[in-house]
């Protein structure tokens, strides 16, 4: 009878362990992804913004965080500058030193 009771308990602990391990791997991926692909993501952000805004967007450093304003993705751009084209609306020449984008 003692062996019969161990079966469901062992199975429950196994399921709990697998679930906990999967959550840990997911959390680890969310934390490491911005660090691993930071340069590539920076290039994609620059290219996409320049194409969508029809202007020249520049920044020296980009930080990405999933947890700073959880559950929203946060992108911080350092030394941010935006140059307007002659045909577009005038943008003030004084640009902020840091610029933050948040997903909603």
Protein backbone atom coordinates (compact mmCIF):
# COMPACT_ATOMS: atom_id res chain seq x y z
CA UNK A 1 0.00 0.00 0.00
CA UNK A 2 2.87 2.36 0.70
CA UNK A 3 4.18 1.88 -2.85
CA UNK A 4 0.75 2.69 -4.29
CA UNK A 5 0.71 6.09 -2.55
CA UNK A 6 4.18 7.00 -3.76
CA UNK A 7 3.17 6.76 -7.42
CA UNK A 8 0.82 9.78 -7.49
CA UNK A 9 3.09 11.81 -5.21
CA UNK A 10 6.12 11.08 -7.37
CA UNK A 11 4.16 11.98 -10.50
CA UNK A 12 2.94 15.23 -8.93
CA UNK A 13 6.50 16.24 -7.97
CA UNK A 14 7.73 15.37 -11.46
CA UNK A 15 5.05 17.54 -13.11
CA UNK A 16 5.76 20.36 -10.65
CA UNK A 17 9.51 20.11 -11.35
CA UNK A 18 9.05 20.17 -15.12
CA UNK A 19 6.71 23.18 -14.88
CA UNK A 20 9.11 25.02 -12.60
CA UNK A 21 12.04 24.28 -14.93
CA UNK A 22 10.07 25.52 -17.97
CA UNK A 23 9.17 28.76 -16.18
CA UNK A 24 12.81 29.25 -15.17
CA UNK A 25 13.98 28.76 -18.77
CA UNK A 26 11.35 31.23 -20.03
CA UNK A 27 12.40 33.83 -17.44
CA UNK A 28 16.05 33.30 -18.30
CA UNK A 29 15.29 33.85 -22.00
CA UNK A 30 13.41 37.08 -21.23
CA UNK A 31 16.35 38.37 -19.22
CA UNK A 32 19.16 37.32 -21.61
CA UNK A 33 17.57 38.11 -25.00
CA UNK A 34 18.16 41.88 -24.81
CA UNK A 35 21.82 41.38 -23.87
CA UNK A 36 22.54 38.75 -26.51
CA UNK A 37 20.85 40.55 -29.44
CA UNK A 38 21.37 44.17 -28.33
CA UNK A 39 23.47 45.22 -31.36
CA UNK A 40 21.18 43.54 -33.87
CA UNK A 41 18.07 45.01 -32.24
CA UNK A 42 19.70 48.46 -32.28
CA UNK A 43 20.28 48.21 -36.03
CA UNK A 44 16.69 47.07 -36.59
CA UNK A 45 15.30 49.94 -34.49
CA UNK A 46 17.41 52.52 -36.39
CA UNK A 47 16.51 51.13 -39.81
CA UNK A 48 12.79 50.81 -39.05
CA UNK A 49 12.54 54.26 -37.45
CA UNK A 50 14.45 55.95 -40.30
CA UNK A 51 12.21 54.28 -42.84
CA UNK A 52 8.94 55.01 -41.02
CA UNK A 53 9.76 58.62 -40.04
CA UNK A 54 11.52 59.65 -43.29
CA UNK A 55 14.22 61.27 -41.17
CA UNK A 56 17.59 60.34 -39.73
CA UNK A 57 17.40 58.84 -36.24
CA UNK A 58 20.66 58.32 -34.36
CA UNK A 59 21.57 57.08 -30.90
CA UNK A 60 24.76 55.81 -29.33
CA UNK A 61 23.41 53.17 -26.98
CA UNK A 62 20.19 51.21 -26.59
CA UNK A 63 18.91 49.40 -23.48
CA UNK A 64 15.98 46.99 -23.61
CA UNK A 65 14.08 45.79 -20.57
CA UNK A 66 11.08 43.54 -20.12
CA UNK A 67 10.94 44.10 -16.37
CA UNK A 68 11.56 47.80 -15.70
CA UNK A 69 7.89 48.65 -16.38
CA UNK A 70 6.46 45.15 -16.38
CA UNK A 71 4.56 43.90 -18.40
CA UNK A 72 5.55 46.55 -20.97
CA UNK A 73 8.70 46.40 -23.10
CA UNK A 74 10.93 49.43 -22.48
CA UNK A 75 13.59 50.76 -24.87
CA UNK A 76 15.97 53.49 -23.66
CA UNK A 77 18.03 55.34 -26.25
CA UNK A 78 21.12 57.32 -25.16
CA UNK A 79 22.46 60.36 -27.06
CA UNK A 80 19.26 60.48 -29.08
CA UNK A 81 19.11 62.77 -32.13
CA UNK A 82 16.52 63.17 -34.85
CA UNK A 83 17.29 65.22 -37.96
CA UNK A 84 14.34 66.40 -40.01
CA UNK A 85 14.32 66.45 -43.77
CA UNK A 86 13.76 69.81 -45.52
CA UNK A 87 10.22 68.86 -46.61
CA UNK A 88 9.03 67.61 -43.24
CA UNK A 89 7.87 69.43 -40.16
CA UNK A 90 10.56 71.25 -38.23
CA UNK A 91 11.85 69.36 -35.19
CA UNK A 92 13.52 71.39 -32.43
CA UNK A 93 17.29 71.18 -32.53
CA UNK A 94 17.54 70.47 -28.79
CA UNK A 95 17.14 66.73 -28.38
CA UNK A 96 16.88 64.89 -25.07
CA UNK A 97 19.93 63.05 -23.85
CA UNK A 98 17.84 59.95 -23.15
CA UNK A 99 14.65 58.86 -24.85
CA UNK A 100 12.32 56.07 -23.66
CA UNK A 101 9.76 54.06 -25.64
CA UNK A 102 7.26 51.80 -23.88
CA UNK A 103 4.93 49.26 -25.41
CA UNK A 104 1.30 49.30 -24.30
